[in-house]
Amino acid sequence: MADRSEAIIAELMGVGITDHDALIIADCIITRKSCSWVNTDPVDDKMLADLNALIRNNDYGISVKVDAVPTRSKFIWDVKVLR
């Protein structure tokens, strides 16, 4: 299972996701549990488009939504497992 987790993390980081975010997203994919968190790592539209394409192409069964909080320079991540 560790090899699968490492492979998913590498794929996520390959599209620009930071290591911390990639670790959490990979955990959601493997454990099939939804998760939300806040951080200050920058996120842009291209990164999210690439992430969504990766999720679709690998049939990971999750959706990822990121909302910016511009007054705080933070981003709220919300990963939902699709049932």
PDB file of N, CA and C in Angstrom:
ATOM      1  N   MET A   1       0.821  -1.189   0.000  1.00  0.00           N
ATOM      2  CA  MET A   1       0.000   0.000   0.000  1.00  0.00           C
ATOM      3  C   MET A   1       0.870   1.260   0.000  1.00  0.00           C
ATOM      4  N   ALA A   2       2.022   1.198   0.641  1.00  0.00           N
ATOM      5  CA  ALA A   2       2.919   2.359   0.689  1.00  0.00           C
ATOM      6  C   ALA A   2       3.394   2.736  -0.703  1.00  0.00           C
ATOM      7  N   ASP A   3       3.658   1.739  -1.539  1.00  0.00           N
ATOM      8  CA  ASP A   3       4.090   2.022  -2.906  1.00  0.00           C
ATOM      9  C   ASP A   3       3.005   2.757  -3.682  1.00  0.00           C
ATOM     10  N   ARG A   4       1.749   2.348  -3.492  1.00  0.00           N
ATOM     11  CA  ARG A   4       0.633   3.012  -4.176  1.00  0.00           C
ATOM     12  C   ARG A   4       0.513   4.452  -3.700  1.00  0.00           C
ATOM     13  N   SER A   5       0.631   4.651  -2.400  1.00  0.00           N
ATOM     14  CA  SER A   5       0.552   5.987  -1.828  1.00  0.00           C
ATOM     15  C   SER A   5       1.659   6.880  -2.385  1.00  0.00           C
ATOM     16  N   GLU A   6       2.870   6.359  -2.425  1.00  0.00           N
ATOM     17  CA  GLU A   6       3.999   7.131  -2.952  1.00  0.00           C
ATOM     18  C   GLU A   6       3.805   7.465  -4.420  1.00  0.00           C
ATOM     19  N   ALA A   7       3.247   6.529  -5.189  1.00  0.00           N
ATOM     20  CA  ALA A   7       3.007   6.774  -6.615  1.00  0.00           C
ATOM     21  C   ALA A   7       1.963   7.867  -6.810  1.00  0.00           C
ATOM     22  N   ILE A   8       0.897   7.822  -6.013  1.00  0.00           N
ATOM     23  CA  ILE A   8      -0.147   8.842  -6.113  1.00  0.00           C
ATOM     24  C   ILE A   8       0.408  10.205  -5.714  1.00  0.00           C
ATOM     25  N   ILE A   9       1.174  10.253  -4.636  1.00  0.00           N
ATOM     26  CA  ILE A   9       1.781  11.516  -4.193  1.00  0.00           C
ATOM     27  C   ILE A   9       2.682  12.081  -5.291  1.00  0.00           C
ATOM     28  N   ALA A  10       3.481  11.228  -5.917  1.00  0.00           N
ATOM     29  CA  ALA A  10       4.367  11.676  -7.005  1.00  0.00           C
ATOM     30  C   ALA A  10       3.557  12.234  -8.171  1.00  0.00           C
ATOM     31  N   GLU A  11       2.459  11.571  -8.524  1.00  0.00           N
ATOM     32  CA  GLU A  11       1.603  12.067  -9.615  1.00  0.00           C
ATOM     33  C   GLU A  11       1.018  13.435  -9.262  1.00  0.00           C
ATOM     34  N   LEU A  12       0.534  13.576  -8.032  1.00  0.00           N
ATOM     35  CA  LEU A  12      -0.063  14.837  -7.598  1.00  0.00           C
ATOM     36  C   LEU A  12       0.967  15.968  -7.599  1.00  0.00           C
ATOM     37  N   MET A  13       2.156  15.673  -7.101  1.00  0.00           N
ATOM     38  CA  MET A  13       3.209  16.695  -7.093  1.00  0.00           C
ATOM     39  C   MET A  13       3.649  17.035  -8.513  1.00  0.00           C
ATOM     40  N   GLY A  14       3.499  16.075  -9.420  1.00  0.00           N
ATOM     41  CA  GLY A  14       3.845  16.305 -10.819  1.00  0.00           C
ATOM     42  C   GLY A  14       2.976  17.347 -11.503  1.00  0.00           C
ATOM     43  N   VAL A  15       1.767  17.571 -10.971  1.00  0.00           N
ATOM     44  CA  VAL A  15       0.899  18.606 -11.538  1.00  0.00           C
ATOM     45  C   VAL A  15       0.968  19.901 -10.730  1.00  0.00           C
ATOM     46  N   GLY A  16       1.907  19.960  -9.764  1.00  0.00           N
ATOM     47  CA  GLY A  16       2.136  21.207  -9.046  1.00  0.00           C
ATOM     48  C   GLY A  16       1.579  21.268  -7.638  1.00  0.00           C
ATOM     49  N   ILE A  17       0.970  20.190  -7.164  1.00  0.00           N
ATOM     50  CA  ILE A  17       0.433  20.172  -5.805  1.00  0.00           C
ATOM     51  C   ILE A  17       1.606  20.050  -4.833  1.00  0.00           C
ATOM     52  N   THR A  18       1.579  20.825  -3.743  1.00  0.00           N
ATOM     53  CA  THR A  18       2.676  20.777  -2.773  1.00  0.00           C
ATOM     54  C   THR A  18       2.671  19.424  -2.053  1.00  0.00           C
ATOM     55  N   ASP A  19       3.795  19.086  -1.444  1.00  0.00           N
ATOM     56  CA  ASP A  19       3.921  17.779  -0.798  1.00  0.00           C
ATOM     57  C   ASP A  19       2.889  17.586   0.309  1.00  0.00           C
ATOM     58  N   HIS A  20       2.644  18.621   1.100  1.00  0.00           N
ATOM     59  CA  HIS A  20       1.661  18.515   2.193  1.00  0.00           C
ATOM     60  C   HIS A  20       0.264  18.233   1.645  1.00  0.00           C
ATOM     61  N   ASP A  21      -0.152  18.999   0.634  1.00  0.00           N
ATOM     62  CA  ASP A  21      -1.476  18.803   0.041  1.00  0.00           C
ATOM     63  C   ASP A  21      -1.557  17.448  -0.655  1.00  0.00           C
ATOM     64  N   ALA A  22      -0.503  17.057  -1.348  1.00  0.00           N
ATOM     65  CA  ALA A  22      -0.479  15.773  -2.052  1.00  0.00           C
ATOM     66  C   ALA A  22      -0.636  14.613  -1.075  1.00  0.00           C
ATOM     67  N   LEU A  23       0.004  14.711   0.067  1.00  0.00           N
ATOM     68  CA  LEU A  23      -0.085  13.657   1.082  1.00  0.00           C
ATOM     69  C   LEU A  23      -1.526  13.495   1.563  1.00  0.00           C
ATOM     70  N   ILE A  24      -2.207  14.604   1.806  1.00  0.00           N
ATOM     71  CA  ILE A  24      -3.589  14.542   2.293  1.00  0.00           C
ATOM     72  C   ILE A  24      -4.518  14.017   1.205  1.00  0.00           C
ATOM     73  N   ILE A  25      -4.360  14.499  -0.020  1.00  0.00           N
ATOM     74  CA  ILE A  25      -5.214  14.038  -1.120  1.00  0.00           C
ATOM     75  C   ILE A  25      -5.006  12.547  -1.353  1.00  0.00           C
ATOM     76  N   ALA A  26      -3.760  12.096  -1.348  1.00  0.00           N
ATOM     77  CA  ALA A  26      -3.476  10.668  -1.535  1.00  0.00           C
ATOM     78  C   ALA A  26      -4.130   9.848  -0.426  1.00  0.00           C
ATOM     79  N   ASP A  27      -4.078  10.343   0.797  1.00  0.00           N
ATOM     80  CA  ASP A  27      -4.713   9.638   1.907  1.00  0.00           C
ATOM     81  C   ASP A  27      -6.221   9.526   1.693  1.00  0.00           C
ATOM     82  N   CYS A  28      -6.843  10.591   1.194  1.00  0.00           N
ATOM     83  CA  CYS A  28      -8.279  10.558   0.890  1.00  0.00           C
ATOM     84  C   CYS A  28      -8.590   9.508  -0.173  1.00  0.00           C
ATOM     85  N   ILE A  29      -7.749   9.438  -1.194  1.00  0.00           N
ATOM     86  CA  ILE A  29      -7.953   8.472  -2.274  1.00  0.00           C
ATOM     87  C   ILE A  29      -7.845   7.046  -1.741  1.00  0.00           C
ATOM     88  N   ILE A  30      -6.827   6.782  -0.951  1.00  0.00           N
ATOM     89  CA  ILE A  30      -6.570   5.423  -0.473  1.00  0.00           C
ATOM     90  C   ILE A  30      -7.554   4.994   0.610  1.00  0.00           C
ATOM     91  N   THR A  31      -7.830   5.871   1.579  1.00  0.00           N
ATOM     92  CA  THR A  31      -8.712   5.497   2.694  1.00  0.00           C
ATOM     93  C   THR A  31     -10.185   5.664   2.354  1.00  0.00           C
ATOM     94  N   ARG A  32     -10.483   6.351   1.230  1.00  0.00           N
ATOM     95  CA  ARG A  32     -11.858   6.621   0.813  1.00  0.00           C
ATOM     96  C   ARG A  32     -12.591   7.459   1.862  1.00  0.00           C
ATOM     97  N   LYS A  33     -11.884   8.455   2.411  1.00  0.00           N
ATOM     98  CA  LYS A  33     -12.470   9.364   3.393  1.00  0.00           C
ATOM     99  C   LYS A  33     -12.315  10.799   2.917  1.00  0.00           C
ATOM    100  N   SER A  34     -13.358  11.592   3.111  1.00  0.00           N
ATOM    101  CA  SER A  34     -13.327  13.009   2.754  1.00  0.00           C
ATOM    102  C   SER A  34     -12.522  13.791   3.785  1.00  0.00           C
ATOM    103  N   CYS A  35     -12.037  14.964   3.368  1.00  0.00           N
ATOM    104  CA  CYS A  35     -11.194  15.763   4.266  1.00  0.00           C
ATOM    105  C   CYS A  35     -11.212  17.224   3.822  1.00  0.00           C
ATOM    106  N   SER A  36     -11.072  18.121   4.783  1.00  0.00           N
ATOM    107  CA  SER A  36     -10.944  19.555   4.503  1.00  0.00           C
ATOM    108  C   SER A  36      -9.799  20.108   5.329  1.00  0.00           C
ATOM    109  N   TRP A  37      -9.110  21.107   4.773  1.00  0.00           N
ATOM    110  CA  TRP A  37      -8.023  21.761   5.510  1.00  0.00           C
ATOM    111  C   TRP A  37      -7.774  23.141   4.919  1.00  0.00           C
ATOM    112  N   VAL A  38      -7.016  23.948   5.659  1.00  0.00           N
ATOM    113  CA  VAL A  38      -6.678  25.305   5.244  1.00  0.00           C
ATOM    114  C   VAL A  38      -5.164  25.440   5.256  1.00  0.00           C
ATOM    115  N   ASN A  39      -4.625  26.090   4.224  1.00  0.00           N
ATOM    116  CA  ASN A  39      -3.198  26.413   4.245  1.00  0.00           C
ATOM    117  C   ASN A  39      -2.917  27.633   3.379  1.00  0.00           C
ATOM    118  N   THR A  40      -1.659  28.000   3.308  1.00  0.00           N
ATOM    119  CA  THR A  40      -1.268  29.205   2.565  1.00  0.00           C
ATOM    120  C   THR A  40      -0.505  28.884   1.279  1.00  0.00           C
ATOM    121  N   ASP A  41      -0.376  27.600   0.938  1.00  0.00           N
ATOM    122  CA  ASP A  41       0.319  27.242  -0.305  1.00  0.00           C
ATOM    123  C   ASP A  41      -0.481  27.755  -1.496  1.00  0.00           C
ATOM    124  N   PRO A  42       0.169  28.446  -2.432  1.00  0.00           N
ATOM    125  CA  PRO A  42      -0.548  29.038  -3.563  1.00  0.00           C
ATOM    126  C   PRO A  42      -1.183  27.987  -4.470  1.00  0.00           C
ATOM    127  N   VAL A  43      -2.354  28.342  -4.995  1.00  0.00           N
ATOM    128  CA  VAL A  43      -3.109  27.477  -5.903  1.00  0.00           C
ATOM    129  C   VAL A  43      -3.547  28.343  -7.073  1.00  0.00           C
ATOM    130  N   ASP A  44      -3.443  27.812  -8.299  1.00  0.00           N
ATOM    131  CA  ASP A  44      -3.925  28.576  -9.450  1.00  0.00           C
ATOM    132  C   ASP A  44      -4.846  27.697 -10.307  1.00  0.00           C
ATOM    133  N   ASP A  45      -5.508  28.330 -11.277  1.00  0.00           N
ATOM    134  CA  ASP A  45      -6.488  27.626 -12.106  1.00  0.00           C
ATOM    135  C   ASP A  45      -5.878  26.487 -12.911  1.00  0.00           C
ATOM    136  N   LYS A  46      -4.676  26.685 -13.441  1.00  0.00           N
ATOM    137  CA  LYS A  46      -4.029  25.636 -14.234  1.00  0.00           C
ATOM    138  C   LYS A  46      -3.732  24.419 -13.361  1.00  0.00           C
ATOM    139  N   MET A  47      -3.240  24.661 -12.163  1.00  0.00           N
ATOM    140  CA  MET A  47      -2.940  23.552 -11.249  1.00  0.00           C
ATOM    141  C   MET A  47      -4.214  22.756 -10.947  1.00  0.00           C
ATOM    142  N   LEU A  48      -5.308  23.461 -10.692  1.00  0.00           N
ATOM    143  CA  LEU A  48      -6.564  22.777 -10.385  1.00  0.00           C
ATOM    144  C   LEU A  48      -7.100  22.023 -11.601  1.00  0.00           C
ATOM    145  N   ALA A  49      -6.951  22.601 -12.792  1.00  0.00           N
ATOM    146  CA  ALA A  49      -7.381  21.912 -14.009  1.00  0.00           C
ATOM    147  C   ALA A  49      -6.555  20.645 -14.225  1.00  0.00           C
ATOM    148  N   ASP A  50      -5.242  20.748 -14.021  1.00  0.00           N
ATOM    149  CA  ASP A  50      -4.371  19.575 -14.155  1.00  0.00           C
ATOM    150  C   ASP A  50      -4.702  18.523 -13.097  1.00  0.00           C
ATOM    151  N   LEU A  51      -4.994  18.966 -11.878  1.00  0.00           N
ATOM    152  CA  LEU A  51      -5.356  18.049 -10.803  1.00  0.00           C
ATOM    153  C   LEU A  51      -6.652  17.320 -11.153  1.00  0.00           C
ATOM    154  N   ASN A  52      -7.654  18.061 -11.602  1.00  0.00           N
ATOM    155  CA  ASN A  52      -8.930  17.435 -11.956  1.00  0.00           C
ATOM    156  C   ASN A  52      -8.790  16.467 -13.125  1.00  0.00           C
ATOM    157  N   ALA A  53      -7.937  16.781 -14.091  1.00  0.00           N
ATOM    158  CA  ALA A  53      -7.684  15.863 -15.201  1.00  0.00           C
ATOM    159  C   ALA A  53      -7.023  14.580 -14.689  1.00  0.00           C
ATOM    160  N   LEU A  54      -6.071  14.716 -13.793  1.00  0.00           N
ATOM    161  CA  LEU A  54      -5.389  13.554 -13.201  1.00  0.00           C
ATOM    162  C   LEU A  54      -6.393  12.680 -12.444  1.00  0.00           C
ATOM    163  N   ILE A  55      -7.257  13.298 -11.680  1.00  0.00           N
ATOM    164  CA  ILE A  55      -8.267  12.567 -10.913  1.00  0.00           C
ATOM    165  C   ILE A  55      -9.203  11.814 -11.861  1.00  0.00           C
ATOM    166  N   ARG A  56      -9.646  12.481 -12.907  1.00  0.00           N
ATOM    167  CA  ARG A  56     -10.534  11.859 -13.894  1.00  0.00           C
ATOM    168  C   ARG A  56      -9.848  10.710 -14.624  1.00  0.00           C
ATOM    169  N   ASN A  57      -8.636  10.963 -15.109  1.00  0.00           N
ATOM    170  CA  ASN A  57      -7.915   9.964 -15.909  1.00  0.00           C
ATOM    171  C   ASN A  57      -7.579   8.705 -15.119  1.00  0.00           C
ATOM    172  N   ASN A  58      -7.400   8.847 -13.800  1.00  0.00           N
ATOM    173  CA  ASN A  58      -7.062   7.698 -12.962  1.00  0.00           C
ATOM    174  C   ASN A  58      -8.267   7.144 -12.211  1.00  0.00           C
ATOM    175  N   ASP A  59      -9.433   7.731 -12.462  1.00  0.00           N
ATOM    176  CA  ASP A  59     -10.673   7.273 -11.828  1.00  0.00           C
ATOM    177  C   ASP A  59     -10.507   7.149 -10.313  1.00  0.00           C
ATOM    178  N   TYR A  60      -9.977   8.220  -9.688  1.00  0.00           N
ATOM    179  CA  TYR A  60      -9.723   8.202  -8.252  1.00  0.00           C
ATOM    180  C   TYR A  60     -10.995   8.305  -7.411  1.00  0.00           C
ATOM    181  N   GLY A  61     -12.111   8.706  -7.997  1.00  0.00           N
ATOM    182  CA  GLY A  61     -13.368   8.731  -7.265  1.00  0.00           C
ATOM    183  C   GLY A  61     -13.468   9.800  -6.196  1.00  0.00           C
ATOM    184  N   ILE A  62     -12.834  10.942  -6.434  1.00  0.00           N
ATOM    185  CA  ILE A  62     -12.928  12.061  -5.502  1.00  0.00           C
ATOM    186  C   ILE A  62     -13.212  13.342  -6.285  1.00  0.00           C
ATOM    187  N   SER A  63     -13.666  14.352  -5.577  1.00  0.00           N
ATOM    188  CA  SER A  63     -13.757  15.694  -6.156  1.00  0.00           C
ATOM    189  C   SER A  63     -12.979  16.621  -5.232  1.00  0.00           C
ATOM    190  N   VAL A  64     -12.322  17.594  -5.836  1.00  0.00           N
ATOM    191  CA  VAL A  64     -11.518  18.546  -5.068  1.00  0.00           C
ATOM    192  C   VAL A  64     -12.003  19.952  -5.368  1.00  0.00           C
ATOM    193  N   LYS A  65     -12.277  20.699  -4.314  1.00  0.00           N
ATOM    194  CA  LYS A  65     -12.690  22.090  -4.442  1.00  0.00           C
ATOM    195  C   LYS A  65     -11.748  22.922  -3.580  1.00  0.00           C
ATOM    196  N   VAL A  66     -11.274  24.031  -4.141  1.00  0.00           N
ATOM    197  CA  VAL A  66     -10.392  24.927  -3.392  1.00  0.00           C
ATOM    198  C   VAL A  66     -10.972  26.336  -3.460  1.00  0.00           C
ATOM    199  N   ASP A  67     -11.199  26.922  -2.297  1.00  0.00           N
ATOM    200  CA  ASP A  67     -11.714  28.287  -2.209  1.00  0.00           C
ATOM    201  C   ASP A  67     -10.650  29.187  -1.612  1.00  0.00           C
ATOM    202  N   ALA A  68     -10.434  30.322  -2.252  1.00  0.00           N
ATOM    203  CA  ALA A  68      -9.466  31.298  -1.740  1.00  0.00           C
ATOM    204  C   ALA A  68     -10.119  32.172  -0.675  1.00  0.00           C
ATOM    205  N   VAL A  69      -9.330  32.517   0.324  1.00  0.00           N
ATOM    206  CA  VAL A  69      -9.735  33.490   1.338  1.00  0.00           C
ATOM    207  C   VAL A  69      -8.759  34.654   1.179  1.00  0.00           C
ATOM    208  N   PRO A  70      -9.047  35.563   0.220  1.00  0.00           N
ATOM    209  CA  PRO A  70      -8.079  36.600  -0.142  1.00  0.00           C
ATOM    210  C   PRO A  70      -7.684  37.534   0.998  1.00  0.00           C
ATOM    211  N   THR A  71      -8.577  37.763   1.932  1.00  0.00           N
ATOM    212  CA  THR A  71      -8.254  38.666   3.034  1.00  0.00           C
ATOM    213  C   THR A  71      -7.255  38.051   4.004  1.00  0.00           C
ATOM    214  N   ARG A  72      -7.070  36.753   3.923  1.00  0.00           N
ATOM    215  CA  ARG A  72      -6.152  36.048   4.820  1.00  0.00           C
ATOM    216  C   ARG A  72      -5.013  35.359   4.075  1.00  0.00           C
ATOM    217  N   SER A  73      -5.005  35.448   2.743  1.00  0.00           N
ATOM    218  CA  SER A  73      -4.002  34.773   1.910  1.00  0.00           C
ATOM    219  C   SER A  73      -3.962  33.272   2.209  1.00  0.00           C
ATOM    220  N   LYS A  74      -5.141  32.693   2.347  1.00  0.00           N
ATOM    221  CA  LYS A  74      -5.256  31.264   2.630  1.00  0.00           C
ATOM    222  C   LYS A  74      -6.171  30.599   1.610  1.00  0.00           C
ATOM    223  N   PHE A  75      -6.080  29.277   1.566  1.00  0.00           N
ATOM    224  CA  PHE A  75      -6.911  28.481   0.679  1.00  0.00           C
ATOM    225  C   PHE A  75      -7.574  27.370   1.485  1.00  0.00           C
ATOM    226  N   ILE A  76      -8.870  27.202   1.248  1.00  0.00           N
ATOM    227  CA  ILE A  76      -9.615  26.132   1.915  1.00  0.00           C
ATOM    228  C   ILE A  76      -9.777  24.988   0.917  1.00  0.00           C
ATOM    229  N   TRP A  77      -9.211  23.840   1.249  1.00  0.00           N
ATOM    230  CA  TRP A  77      -9.287  22.635   0.424  1.00  0.00           C
ATOM    231  C   TRP A  77     -10.424  21.760   0.936  1.00  0.00           C
ATOM    232  N   ASP A  78     -11.189  21.204   0.021  1.00  0.00           N
ATOM    233  CA  ASP A  78     -12.275  20.310   0.384  1.00  0.00           C
ATOM    234  C   ASP A  78     -12.248  19.129  -0.584  1.00  0.00           C
ATOM    235  N   VAL A  79     -11.897  17.952  -0.068  1.00  0.00           N
ATOM    236  CA  VAL A  79     -11.857  16.739  -0.882  1.00  0.00           C
ATOM    237  C   VAL A  79     -13.026  15.861  -0.453  1.00  0.00           C
ATOM    238  N   LYS A  80     -13.850  15.521  -1.413  1.00  0.00           N
ATOM    239  CA  LYS A  80     -15.009  14.661  -1.151  1.00  0.00           C
ATOM    240  C   LYS A  80     -14.850  13.354  -1.912  1.00  0.00           C
ATOM    241  N   VAL A  81     -15.155  12.274  -1.235  1.00  0.00           N
ATOM    242  CA  VAL A  81     -15.158  10.961  -1.880  1.00  0.00           C
ATOM    243  C   VAL A  81     -16.508  10.805  -2.560  1.00  0.00           C
ATOM    244  N   LEU A  82     -16.481  10.419  -3.822  1.00  0.00           N
ATOM    245  CA  LEU A  82     -17.713  10.197  -4.580  1.00  0.00           C
ATOM    246  C   LEU A  82     -18.195   8.774  -4.325  1.00  0.00           C
ATOM    247  N   ARG A  83     -19.393   8.634  -3.971  1.00  0.00           N
ATOM    248  CA  ARG A  83     -19.954   7.309  -3.652  1.00  0.00           C
ATOM    249  C   ARG A  83     -20.561   6.658  -4.856  1.00  0.00           C
TER     250      ARG A  83
END
